[in-house]
Protein backbone atom coordinates (compact mmCIF):
# COMPACT_ATOMS: atom_id res chain seq x y z
CA UNK A 1 18.89 -19.92 -39.59
CA UNK A 2 20.87 -16.72 -39.17
CA UNK A 3 18.95 -15.19 -42.06
CA UNK A 4 15.64 -16.00 -40.33
CA UNK A 5 16.81 -14.40 -37.09
CA UNK A 6 17.98 -11.30 -38.97
CA UNK A 7 14.67 -11.08 -40.81
CA UNK A 8 12.75 -11.40 -37.57
CA UNK A 9 14.87 -8.67 -36.00
CA UNK A 10 14.22 -6.35 -38.94
CA UNK A 11 10.50 -7.08 -38.63
CA UNK A 12 10.50 -6.14 -34.95
CA UNK A 13 12.35 -2.88 -35.67
CA UNK A 14 10.15 -1.89 -38.59
CA UNK A 15 6.82 -2.82 -37.00
CA UNK A 16 7.35 -1.83 -33.39
CA UNK A 17 9.75 1.13 -33.54
CA UNK A 18 6.95 3.66 -34.17
CA UNK A 19 5.25 2.46 -30.99
CA UNK A 20 8.46 2.67 -29.00
CA UNK A 21 9.16 6.16 -30.30
CA UNK A 22 5.65 7.33 -29.60
CA UNK A 23 6.42 7.68 -25.92
CA UNK A 24 4.05 6.65 -23.17
CA UNK A 25 1.47 8.03 -20.82
CA UNK A 26 3.99 8.08 -17.98
CA UNK A 27 6.44 10.08 -20.07
CA UNK A 28 3.75 12.61 -20.93
CA UNK A 29 2.63 12.84 -17.33
CA UNK A 30 6.19 13.48 -16.15
CA UNK A 31 6.55 16.25 -18.73
CA UNK A 32 3.30 17.75 -17.50
CA UNK A 33 4.50 17.71 -13.88
CA UNK A 34 7.68 19.47 -15.01
CA UNK A 35 5.58 22.24 -16.57
CA UNK A 36 6.54 21.23 -20.12
CA UNK A 37 2.96 21.36 -21.29
CA UNK A 38 3.52 21.53 -25.05
CA UNK A 39 5.98 18.63 -24.97
CA UNK A 40 3.56 16.66 -22.81
CA UNK A 41 0.75 17.39 -25.26
CA UNK A 42 2.71 15.94 -28.19
CA UNK A 43 3.55 12.75 -26.32
CA UNK A 44 0.03 12.31 -24.98
CA UNK A 45 -1.64 12.92 -28.34
CA UNK A 46 0.50 10.16 -29.86
CA UNK A 47 -0.31 7.89 -26.94
CA UNK A 48 -4.02 8.68 -27.36
CA UNK A 49 -3.86 7.25 -30.87
CA UNK A 50 -2.43 4.00 -29.49
CA UNK A 51 -4.67 3.65 -26.42
CA UNK A 52 -7.80 5.71 -27.10
CA UNK A 53 -9.68 4.23 -24.12
CA UNK A 54 -7.15 5.37 -21.52
CA UNK A 55 -9.05 8.12 -19.70
CA UNK A 56 -5.89 9.23 -17.85
CA UNK A 57 -4.55 10.59 -21.15
CA UNK A 58 -7.60 12.78 -21.70
CA UNK A 59 -7.41 14.07 -18.12
CA UNK A 60 -3.76 15.13 -18.31
CA UNK A 61 -4.25 16.66 -21.75
CA UNK A 62 -7.07 18.72 -20.29
CA UNK A 63 -4.76 19.96 -17.53
CA UNK A 64 -2.11 20.84 -20.10
CA UNK A 65 -4.62 22.95 -22.02
CA UNK A 66 -5.80 24.63 -18.81
CA UNK A 67 -2.24 25.59 -17.95
CA UNK A 68 -1.58 27.00 -21.42
CA UNK A 69 -4.86 28.93 -21.45
CA UNK A 70 -6.34 26.96 -24.34
CA UNK A 71 -9.76 26.54 -22.75
CA UNK A 72 -11.55 25.51 -25.93
CA UNK A 73 -9.20 22.55 -26.32
CA UNK A 74 -9.56 21.73 -22.63
CA UNK A 75 -13.33 21.55 -23.11
CA UNK A 76 -13.01 19.52 -26.31
CA UNK A 77 -10.69 16.88 -24.83
CA UNK A 78 -12.80 16.70 -21.66
CA UNK A 79 -15.92 16.08 -23.72
CA UNK A 80 -14.08 13.17 -25.36
CA UNK A 81 -13.19 11.90 -21.91
CA UNK A 82 -16.78 12.23 -20.69
CA UNK A 83 -17.89 10.11 -23.64
CA UNK A 84 -15.77 7.34 -22.09
CA UNK A 85 -16.81 8.02 -18.49
CA UNK A 86 -19.60 10.51 -17.91
CA UNK A 87 -19.00 10.63 -14.14
CA UNK A 88 -15.24 11.21 -14.14
CA UNK A 89 -14.64 14.11 -11.75
CA UNK A 90 -11.46 15.14 -13.57
CA UNK A 91 -13.33 15.94 -16.78
CA UNK A 92 -16.24 17.63 -15.05
CA UNK A 93 -13.87 19.82 -13.05
CA UNK A 94 -11.77 20.71 -16.09
CA UNK A 95 -14.94 21.69 -17.94
CA UNK A 96 -16.00 23.83 -15.00
CA UNK A 97 -12.60 25.48 -14.68
CA UNK A 98 -12.47 26.21 -18.41
CA UNK A 99 -15.88 27.86 -18.42
CA UNK A 100 -14.94 29.75 -15.25
CA UNK A 101 -11.86 31.18 -16.97
CA UNK A 102 -14.03 32.09 -19.95
CA UNK A 103 -16.38 33.88 -17.50
CA UNK A 104 -19.24 31.59 -18.50
CA UNK A 105 -20.18 31.14 -14.88
CA UNK A 106 -23.57 29.49 -15.40
CA UNK A 107 -21.96 26.72 -17.45
CA UNK A 108 -19.08 26.46 -14.97
CA UNK A 109 -21.43 26.05 -12.00
CA UNK A 110 -23.41 23.42 -13.91
CA UNK A 111 -20.32 21.23 -14.38
CA UNK A 112 -19.08 21.79 -10.84
CA UNK A 113 -22.48 20.74 -9.50
CA UNK A 114 -22.29 17.60 -11.63
CA UNK A 115 -18.83 17.00 -10.19
CA UNK A 116 -20.17 17.30 -6.64
CA UNK A 117 -22.96 14.87 -7.48
CA UNK A 118 -20.45 12.42 -8.95
CA UNK A 119 -17.84 12.75 -6.21
CA UNK A 120 -18.93 14.75 -3.14
CA UNK A 121 -15.56 14.22 -1.45
CA UNK A 122 -13.44 16.06 -4.03
CA UNK A 123 -12.36 19.32 -2.31
CA UNK A 124 -11.32 21.32 -5.37
CA UNK A 125 -14.84 21.35 -6.79
CA UNK A 126 -16.04 23.28 -3.73
CA UNK A 127 -13.01 25.56 -3.93
CA UNK A 128 -13.79 26.59 -7.50
CA UNK A 129 -17.47 27.03 -6.69
CA UNK A 130 -16.43 29.26 -3.81
CA UNK A 131 -14.27 31.35 -6.10
CA UNK A 132 -17.14 31.86 -8.53
CA UNK A 133 -19.62 32.78 -5.80
CA UNK A 134 -17.08 35.18 -4.31
CA UNK A 135 -16.66 36.86 -7.68
CA UNK A 136 -20.43 37.17 -7.97
CA UNK A 137 -20.69 38.71 -4.51
CA UNK A 138 -22.66 35.71 -3.17
CA UNK A 139 -20.62 35.68 0.00
CA UNK A 140 -22.71 33.24 2.06
CA UNK A 141 -22.53 30.65 -0.72
CA UNK A 142 -18.83 31.36 -1.19
CA UNK A 143 -18.13 30.87 2.53
CA UNK A 144 -20.09 27.61 2.57
CA UNK A 145 -18.31 26.22 -0.48
CA UNK A 146 -14.83 27.18 0.73
CA UNK A 147 -15.57 25.79 4.19
CA UNK A 148 -16.55 22.49 2.54
CA UNK A 149 -13.24 22.40 0.67
CA UNK A 150 -11.36 22.97 3.95
CA UNK A 151 -13.28 20.22 5.73
CA UNK A 152 -12.15 17.79 3.04
CA UNK A 153 -8.58 19.06 2.69
CA UNK A 154 -6.98 21.07 5.48
CA UNK A 155 -3.50 21.54 4.01
CA UNK A 156 -4.13 23.83 1.03
CA UNK A 157 -3.31 27.45 1.84
CA UNK A 158 -5.41 28.74 -1.05
CA UNK A 159 -8.60 27.47 0.55
CA UNK A 160 -7.90 29.52 3.68
CA UNK A 161 -6.68 32.53 1.72
CA UNK A 162 -9.87 32.90 -0.27
CA UNK A 163 -12.16 32.14 2.66
CA UNK A 164 -10.28 34.86 4.55
CA UNK A 165 -11.05 37.24 1.69
CA UNK A 166 -14.71 36.30 1.88
CA UNK A 167 -14.78 36.91 5.64
CA UNK A 168 -13.04 40.23 5.06
CA UNK A 169 -15.71 41.23 2.55
CA UNK A 170 -18.32 40.22 5.14
CA UNK A 171 -16.46 42.51 7.60
CA UNK A 172 -15.84 39.53 9.85
CA UNK A 173 -12.24 40.54 10.42
CA UNK A 174 -11.63 38.18 13.31
CA UNK A 175 -12.35 35.08 11.23
CA UNK A 176 -10.46 36.60 8.31
CA UNK A 177 -7.44 37.06 10.57
CA UNK A 178 -7.63 33.43 11.70
CA UNK A 179 -7.72 32.18 8.11
CA UNK A 180 -4.85 34.39 6.94
CA UNK A 181 -2.77 33.09 9.86
CA UNK A 182 -3.66 29.50 8.97
CA UNK A 183 -2.71 30.14 5.33
CA UNK A 184 0.63 31.51 6.50
CA UNK A 185 1.34 28.39 8.53
CA UNK A 186 0.94 26.42 5.30
CA UNK A 187 2.88 28.93 3.17
CA UNK A 188 5.26 30.82 5.49
CA UNK A 189 6.85 34.07 4.38
CA UNK A 190 4.35 34.66 1.59
CA UNK A 191 4.45 38.47 1.19
CA UNK A 192 0.90 38.74 -0.15
CA UNK A 193 -0.52 36.81 2.80
CA UNK A 194 1.55 38.82 5.26
CA UNK A 195 0.30 42.09 3.81
CA UNK A 196 -3.31 40.85 3.84
CA UNK A 197 -2.99 39.81 7.48
CA UNK A 198 -1.59 43.20 8.53
CA UNK A 199 -4.42 44.99 6.72
CA UNK A 200 -7.15 42.87 8.25
CA UNK A 201 -5.70 43.30 11.75
CA UNK A 202 -5.70 47.06 11.15
CA UNK A 203 -9.34 46.92 10.03
CA UNK A 204 -10.26 44.94 13.12
CA UNK A 205 -8.52 47.51 15.35
CA UNK A 206 -10.29 50.39 13.62
CA UNK A 207 -13.63 48.61 14.00
CA UNK A 208 -13.08 48.02 17.72
CA UNK A 209 -12.05 51.64 18.25
CA UNK A 210 -15.22 52.84 16.53
CA UNK A 211 -17.25 51.01 19.21
CA UNK A 212 -15.48 52.90 22.04
C-alpha cells in the first residue's frame, strides 16, 4: 500500500511539476504591472502553450511588446488574438498603437476605426486617433476625437493635455488654458504642464493686447 502511494506521488510530481513551474496568467500579469516586461513575456508565453484559447494572455503579451518597443511582435501576437476574437478592442487598439509608433498612420487609423466600431465606449481609441490627427495637422478632427475621449473618461490628464495643445495650435488660448488647468488638477505639480500653462496665458495676454 505504501509503495502504491509513493508511486502515485512520484507520478504527480513528474507529470504535473512542469505545469506548476510554468507559472500562470496572473503571475505574468502581475509582472507586467510591475514593469517587468521581459519576465512577464516568458511566463505568459509558457502559459500560452498550456491555454492557447485564453485571449487575456495575448492581450497582455501585446502590451508587453508595446512597452518594450517591439511593435512587430505586438502586431503578430495581436493578429493571433484577433483570430480568436476579431472584435476584441484590446487587439485592435494594440494593432493601431503599433502602427502609429511605426508611423504607418493609415494602417493605425484603420484599426482604431475598427476598434470604435467594435466598442464605441472605449476612450483610449479616440485618444490615439486624436494624437494621430494632431500630428497630421488635422486639428478639427483631433479636437473632436480628444473631446470624445474626455466625454467617456474625465480623469485622465493626458486627454486634457493634448486637447490643450490642439486648442493652442488653433490659437484658442482660452480653451487651451482651461484644459491645462484641468490637467494640472489631475496631475498637480507637473513641471511640463505648469510651463505650458504659463506660456499659453502669456499668448492669451499678448493676443488681447494686440486688439487694444
